[in-house]
PDB file of all heavy atoms in Angstrom:
ATOM      1  N   TYR A   1     121.229 104.898  92.320  1.00  0.00           N
ATOM      2  CA  TYR A   1     121.931 103.686  91.931  1.00  0.00           C
ATOM      3  C   TYR A   1     123.290 103.591  92.614  1.00  0.00           C
ATOM      4  O   TYR A   1     123.940 104.616  92.883  1.00  0.00           O
ATOM      5  CB  TYR A   1     122.142 103.654  90.416  1.00  0.00           C
ATOM      6  CG  TYR A   1     120.861 103.688  89.627  1.00  0.00           C
ATOM      7  CD1 TYR A   1     120.305 104.897  89.213  1.00  0.00           C
ATOM      8  CD2 TYR A   1     120.191 102.503  89.306  1.00  0.00           C
ATOM      9  CE1 TYR A   1     119.116 104.924  88.502  1.00  0.00           C
ATOM     10  CE2 TYR A   1     119.009 102.527  88.594  1.00  0.00           C
ATOM     11  CZ  TYR A   1     118.470 103.748  88.198  1.00  0.00           C
ATOM     12  OH  TYR A   1     117.300 103.767  87.492  1.00  0.00           O
ATOM     13  N   ALA A   2     123.720 102.371  92.832  1.00  0.00           N
ATOM     14  CA  ALA A   2     125.091 102.154  93.268  1.00  0.00           C
ATOM     15  C   ALA A   2     126.025 102.541  92.127  1.00  0.00           C
ATOM     16  O   ALA A   2     125.673 102.417  90.953  1.00  0.00           O
ATOM     17  CB  ALA A   2     125.302 100.685  93.635  1.00  0.00           C
ATOM     18  N   ASP A   3     127.189 103.005  92.482  1.00  0.00           N
ATOM     19  CA  ASP A   3     128.137 103.444  91.461  1.00  0.00           C
ATOM     20  C   ASP A   3     128.463 102.329  90.470  1.00  0.00           C
ATOM     21  O   ASP A   3     128.706 102.590  89.291  1.00  0.00           O
ATOM     22  CB  ASP A   3     129.427 103.940  92.124  1.00  0.00           C
ATOM     23  CG  ASP A   3     129.243 105.276  92.815  1.00  0.00           C
ATOM     24  OD1 ASP A   3     128.240 105.976  92.531  1.00  0.00           O
ATOM     25  OD2 ASP A   3     130.089 105.631  93.653  1.00  0.00           O
ATOM     26  N   SER A   4     128.473 101.104  90.956  1.00  0.00           N
ATOM     27  CA  SER A   4     128.859  99.976  90.113  1.00  0.00           C
ATOM     28  C   SER A   4     127.878  99.705  88.974  1.00  0.00           C
ATOM     29  O   SER A   4     128.235  99.038  87.998  1.00  0.00           O
ATOM     30  CB  SER A   4     129.013  98.719  90.968  1.00  0.00           C
ATOM     31  OG  SER A   4     127.802  98.422  91.640  1.00  0.00           O
ATOM     32  N   VAL A   5     126.640 100.192  89.090  1.00  0.00           N
ATOM     33  CA  VAL A   5     125.637  99.916  88.052  1.00  0.00           C
ATOM     34  C   VAL A   5     125.100 101.192  87.407  1.00  0.00           C
ATOM     35  O   VAL A   5     124.318 101.113  86.450  1.00  0.00           O
ATOM     36  CB  VAL A   5     124.456  99.097  88.616  1.00  0.00           C
ATOM     37  CG1 VAL A   5     124.965  97.838  89.303  1.00  0.00           C
ATOM     38  CG2 VAL A   5     123.592  99.924  89.558  1.00  0.00           C
ATOM     39  N   LYS A   6     125.528 102.325  87.892  1.00  0.00           N
ATOM     40  CA  LYS A   6     125.017 103.598  87.374  1.00  0.00           C
ATOM     41  C   LYS A   6     125.308 103.717  85.882  1.00  0.00           C
ATOM     42  O   LYS A   6     126.416 103.442  85.422  1.00  0.00           O
ATOM     43  CB  LYS A   6     125.662 104.745  88.145  1.00  0.00           C
ATOM     44  CG  LYS A   6     124.955 106.076  88.028  1.00  0.00           C
ATOM     45  CD  LYS A   6     125.554 107.078  89.002  1.00  0.00           C
ATOM     46  CE  LYS A   6     125.327 106.701  90.441  1.00  0.00           C
ATOM     47  NZ  LYS A   6     125.839 107.710  91.397  1.00  0.00           N
ATOM     48  N   GLY A   7     124.280 104.107  85.146  1.00  0.00           N
ATOM     49  CA  GLY A   7     124.425 104.234  83.699  1.00  0.00           C
ATOM     50  C   GLY A   7     124.163 102.951  82.935  1.00  0.00           C
ATOM     51  O   GLY A   7     124.068 102.959  81.709  1.00  0.00           O
ATOM     52  N   ARG A   8     124.044 101.837  83.655  1.00  0.00           N
ATOM     53  CA  ARG A   8     123.802 100.544  82.992  1.00  0.00           C
ATOM     54  C   ARG A   8     122.462  99.916  83.404  1.00  0.00           C
ATOM     55  O   ARG A   8     121.839  99.224  82.602  1.00  0.00           O
ATOM     56  CB  ARG A   8     124.930  99.559  83.326  1.00  0.00           C
ATOM     57  CG  ARG A   8     126.302 100.031  82.894  1.00  0.00           C
ATOM     58  CD  ARG A   8     127.360  98.941  83.087  1.00  0.00           C
ATOM     59  NE  ARG A   8     127.515  98.546  84.477  1.00  0.00           N
ATOM     60  CZ  ARG A   8     127.267  97.311  84.933  1.00  0.00           C
ATOM     61  NH1 ARG A   8     126.851  96.374  84.113  1.00  0.00           N
ATOM     62  NH2 ARG A   8     127.470  97.026  86.212  1.00  0.00           N
ATOM     63  N   PHE A   9     122.051 100.149  84.620  1.00  0.00           N
ATOM     64  CA  PHE A   9     120.798  99.582  85.130  1.00  0.00           C
ATOM     65  C   PHE A   9     119.759 100.684  85.288  1.00  0.00           C
ATOM     66  O   PHE A   9     120.096 101.826  85.612  1.00  0.00           O
ATOM     67  CB  PHE A   9     121.020  98.932  86.498  1.00  0.00           C
ATOM     68  CG  PHE A   9     121.839  97.674  86.494  1.00  0.00           C
ATOM     69  CD1 PHE A   9     122.497  97.228  85.354  1.00  0.00           C
ATOM     70  CD2 PHE A   9     121.940  96.906  87.645  1.00  0.00           C
ATOM     71  CE1 PHE A   9     123.254  96.066  85.360  1.00  0.00           C
ATOM     72  CE2 PHE A   9     122.688  95.738  87.676  1.00  0.00           C
ATOM     73  CZ  PHE A   9     123.347  95.331  86.528  1.00  0.00           C
ATOM     74  N   THR A  10     118.492 100.313  85.097  1.00  0.00           N
ATOM     75  CA  THR A  10     117.384 101.250  85.296  1.00  0.00           C
ATOM     76  C   THR A  10     116.290 100.572  86.098  1.00  0.00           C
ATOM     77  O   THR A  10     115.801  99.498  85.703  1.00  0.00           O
ATOM     78  CB  THR A  10     116.814 101.717  83.944  1.00  0.00           C
ATOM     79  OG1 THR A  10     117.843 102.331  83.163  1.00  0.00           O
ATOM     80  CG2 THR A  10     115.681 102.715  84.171  1.00  0.00           C
ATOM     81  N   ILE A  11     115.901 101.182  87.193  1.00  0.00           N
ATOM     82  CA  ILE A  11     114.814 100.671  88.018  1.00  0.00           C
ATOM     83  C   ILE A  11     113.538 101.437  87.690  1.00  0.00           C
ATOM     84  O   ILE A  11     113.573 102.650  87.437  1.00  0.00           O
ATOM     85  CB  ILE A  11     115.162 100.781  89.522  1.00  0.00           C
ATOM     86  CG1 ILE A  11     114.114 100.067  90.382  1.00  0.00           C
ATOM     87  CG2 ILE A  11     115.342 102.231  89.948  1.00  0.00           C
ATOM     88  CD1 ILE A  11     114.510  99.946  91.857  1.00  0.00           C
ATOM     89  N   SER A  12     112.422 100.721  87.686  1.00  0.00           N
ATOM     90  CA  SER A  12     111.133 101.360  87.427  1.00  0.00           C
ATOM     91  C   SER A  12     110.065 100.609  88.217  1.00  0.00           C
ATOM     92  O   SER A  12     110.316  99.532  88.754  1.00  0.00           O
ATOM     93  CB  SER A  12     110.814 101.368  85.932  1.00  0.00           C
ATOM     94  OG  SER A  12     110.751 100.046  85.421  1.00  0.00           O
ATOM     95  N   ARG A  13     108.888 101.176  88.261  1.00  0.00           N
ATOM     96  CA  ARG A  13     107.805 100.538  89.012  1.00  0.00           C
ATOM     97  C   ARG A  13     106.474 100.795  88.328  1.00  0.00           C
ATOM     98  O   ARG A  13     106.304 101.789  87.607  1.00  0.00           O
ATOM     99  CB  ARG A  13     107.773 101.055  90.449  1.00  0.00           C
ATOM    100  CG  ARG A  13     107.408 102.514  90.621  1.00  0.00           C
ATOM    101  CD  ARG A  13     107.648 102.981  92.059  1.00  0.00           C
ATOM    102  NE  ARG A  13     106.819 102.239  93.011  1.00  0.00           N
ATOM    103  CZ  ARG A  13     107.073 102.204  94.323  1.00  0.00           C
ATOM    104  NH1 ARG A  13     108.116 102.848  94.832  1.00  0.00           N
ATOM    105  NH2 ARG A  13     106.264 101.523  95.129  1.00  0.00           N
ATOM    106  N   ASP A  14     105.521  99.895  88.598  1.00  0.00           N
ATOM    107  CA  ASP A  14     104.148 100.032  88.129  1.00  0.00           C
ATOM    108  C   ASP A  14     103.262  99.844  89.359  1.00  0.00           C
ATOM    109  O   ASP A  14     103.074  98.721  89.820  1.00  0.00           O
ATOM    110  CB  ASP A  14     103.845  98.973  87.059  1.00  0.00           C
ATOM    111  CG  ASP A  14     102.447  99.106  86.474  1.00  0.00           C
ATOM    112  OD1 ASP A  14     101.547  99.630  87.158  1.00  0.00           O
ATOM    113  OD2 ASP A  14     102.247  98.665  85.329  1.00  0.00           O
ATOM    114  N   ASN A  15     102.753 100.930  89.885  1.00  0.00           N
ATOM    115  CA  ASN A  15     101.988 100.861  91.136  1.00  0.00           C
ATOM    116  C   ASN A  15     100.609 100.238  90.944  1.00  0.00           C
ATOM    117  O   ASN A  15      99.982  99.819  91.914  1.00  0.00           O
ATOM    118  CB  ASN A  15     101.861 102.255  91.739  1.00  0.00           C
ATOM    119  CG  ASN A  15     103.173 102.766  92.304  1.00  0.00           C
ATOM    120  OD1 ASN A  15     104.056 101.975  92.662  1.00  0.00           O
ATOM    121  ND2 ASN A  15     103.321 104.082  92.382  1.00  0.00           N
ATOM    122  N   VAL A  16     100.125 100.192  89.735  1.00  0.00           N
ATOM    123  CA  VAL A  16      98.833  99.531  89.475  1.00  0.00           C
ATOM    124  C   VAL A  16      99.002  98.017  89.579  1.00  0.00           C
ATOM    125  O   VAL A  16      98.135  97.319  90.121  1.00  0.00           O
ATOM    126  CB  VAL A  16      98.294  99.926  88.097  1.00  0.00           C
ATOM    127  CG1 VAL A  16      97.036  99.136  87.764  1.00  0.00           C
ATOM    128  CG2 VAL A  16      98.020 101.431  88.046  1.00  0.00           C
ATOM    129  N   LYS A  17     100.109  97.523  89.072  1.00  0.00           N
ATOM    130  CA  LYS A  17     100.362  96.081  89.076  1.00  0.00           C
ATOM    131  C   LYS A  17     101.186  95.616  90.275  1.00  0.00           C
ATOM    132  O   LYS A  17     101.480  94.427  90.403  1.00  0.00           O
ATOM    133  CB  LYS A  17     101.091  95.688  87.790  1.00  0.00           C
ATOM    134  CG  LYS A  17     100.285  95.932  86.525  1.00  0.00           C
ATOM    135  CD  LYS A  17     101.067  95.509  85.290  1.00  0.00           C
ATOM    136  CE  LYS A  17     100.260  95.730  84.024  1.00  0.00           C
ATOM    137  NZ  LYS A  17     101.035  95.345  82.808  1.00  0.00           N
ATOM    138  N   ASN A  18     101.585  96.532  91.136  1.00  0.00           N
ATOM    139  CA  ASN A  18     102.466  96.195  92.269  1.00  0.00           C
ATOM    140  C   ASN A  18     103.764  95.536  91.789  1.00  0.00           C
ATOM    141  O   ASN A  18     104.204  94.531  92.349  1.00  0.00           O
ATOM    142  CB  ASN A  18     101.763  95.289  93.278  1.00  0.00           C
ATOM    143  CG  ASN A  18     100.856  96.067  94.221  1.00  0.00           C
ATOM    144  OD1 ASN A  18     100.481  97.195  93.927  1.00  0.00           O
ATOM    145  ND2 ASN A  18     100.508  95.470  95.349  1.00  0.00           N
ATOM    146  N   MET A  19     104.362  96.108  90.771  1.00  0.00           N
ATOM    147  CA  MET A  19     105.558  95.527  90.159  1.00  0.00           C
ATOM    148  C   MET A  19     106.728  96.503  90.251  1.00  0.00           C
ATOM    149  O   MET A  19     106.544  97.724  90.179  1.00  0.00           O
ATOM    150  CB  MET A  19     105.310  95.209  88.692  1.00  0.00           C
ATOM    151  CG  MET A  19     104.230  94.184  88.426  1.00  0.00           C
ATOM    152  SD  MET A  19     104.739  92.500  88.789  1.00  0.00           S
ATOM    153  CE  MET A  19     105.990  92.232  87.527  1.00  0.00           C
ATOM    154  N   VAL A  20     107.912  95.927  90.381  1.00  0.00           N
ATOM    155  CA  VAL A  20     109.162  96.672  90.289  1.00  0.00           C
ATOM    156  C   VAL A  20     110.030  95.959  89.260  1.00  0.00           C
ATOM    157  O   VAL A  20     110.068  94.719  89.228  1.00  0.00           O
ATOM    158  CB  VAL A  20     109.903  96.721  91.642  1.00  0.00           C
ATOM    159  CG1 VAL A  20     111.143  97.611  91.532  1.00  0.00           C
ATOM    160  CG2 VAL A  20     108.994  97.240  92.735  1.00  0.00           C
ATOM    161  N   TYR A  21     110.719  96.728  88.444  1.00  0.00           N
ATOM    162  CA  TYR A  21     111.536  96.164  87.373  1.00  0.00           C
ATOM    163  C   TYR A  21     112.979  96.643  87.494  1.00  0.00           C
ATOM    164  O   TYR A  21     113.244  97.722  88.019  1.00  0.00           O
ATOM    165  CB  TYR A  21     110.989  96.577  86.011  1.00  0.00           C
ATOM    166  CG  TYR A  21     109.537  96.254  85.805  1.00  0.00           C
ATOM    167  CD1 TYR A  21     108.551  97.214  85.998  1.00  0.00           C
ATOM    168  CD2 TYR A  21     109.141  94.978  85.418  1.00  0.00           C
ATOM    169  CE1 TYR A  21     107.211  96.918  85.813  1.00  0.00           C
ATOM    170  CE2 TYR A  21     107.802  94.666  85.229  1.00  0.00           C
ATOM    171  CZ  TYR A  21     106.845  95.639  85.426  1.00  0.00           C
ATOM    172  OH  TYR A  21     105.518  95.346  85.244  1.00  0.00           O
ATOM    173  N   LEU A  22     113.876  95.836  86.969  1.00  0.00           N
ATOM    174  CA  LEU A  22     115.265  96.246  86.853  1.00  0.00           C
ATOM    175  C   LEU A  22     115.737  95.905  85.444  1.00  0.00           C
ATOM    176  O   LEU A  22     115.879  94.735  85.108  1.00  0.00           O
ATOM    177  CB  LEU A  22     116.157  95.572  87.886  1.00  0.00           C
ATOM    178  CG  LEU A  22     117.596  96.080  87.917  1.00  0.00           C
ATOM    179  CD1 LEU A  22     117.646  97.510  88.454  1.00  0.00           C
ATOM    180  CD2 LEU A  22     118.495  95.169  88.756  1.00  0.00           C
ATOM    181  N   GLN A  23     115.931  96.922  84.632  1.00  0.00           N
ATOM    182  CA  GLN A  23     116.480  96.733  83.291  1.00  0.00           C
ATOM    183  C   GLN A  23     117.993  96.781  83.387  1.00  0.00           C
ATOM    184  O   GLN A  23     118.558  97.798  83.800  1.00  0.00           O
ATOM    185  CB  GLN A  23     115.965  97.822  82.342  1.00  0.00           C
ATOM    186  CG  GLN A  23     116.523  97.731  80.939  1.00  0.00           C
ATOM    187  CD  GLN A  23     116.040  96.496  80.198  1.00  0.00           C
ATOM    188  OE1 GLN A  23     114.853  96.193  80.193  1.00  0.00           O
ATOM    189  NE2 GLN A  23     116.966  95.782  79.579  1.00  0.00           N
ATOM    190  N   MET A  24     118.621  95.693  83.024  1.00  0.00           N
ATOM    191  CA  MET A  24     120.070  95.575  83.097  1.00  0.00           C
ATOM    192  C   MET A  24     120.631  95.620  81.679  1.00  0.00           C
ATOM    193  O   MET A  24     120.215  94.837  80.827  1.00  0.00           O
ATOM    194  CB  MET A  24     120.459  94.262  83.778  1.00  0.00           C
ATOM    195  CG  MET A  24     119.790  94.054  85.124  1.00  0.00           C
ATOM    196  SD  MET A  24     120.025  92.373  85.768  1.00  0.00           S
ATOM    197  CE  MET A  24     121.806  92.321  85.954  1.00  0.00           C
ATOM    198  N   SER A  25     121.563  96.510  81.437  1.00  0.00           N
ATOM    199  CA  SER A  25     122.171  96.637  80.117  1.00  0.00           C
ATOM    200  C   SER A  25     123.686  96.623  80.263  1.00  0.00           C
ATOM    201  O   SER A  25     124.225  96.945  81.321  1.00  0.00           O
ATOM    202  CB  SER A  25     121.730  97.938  79.439  1.00  0.00           C
ATOM    203  OG  SER A  25     120.334  97.997  79.319  1.00  0.00           O
TER     204      SER A  25
END
């Protein structure tokens, strides 16, 4: 993560669905 979002954003992926997610908190 970039320092500006570390600890607040979480990236994840689902390779079955070809999806990438970004949870922003």
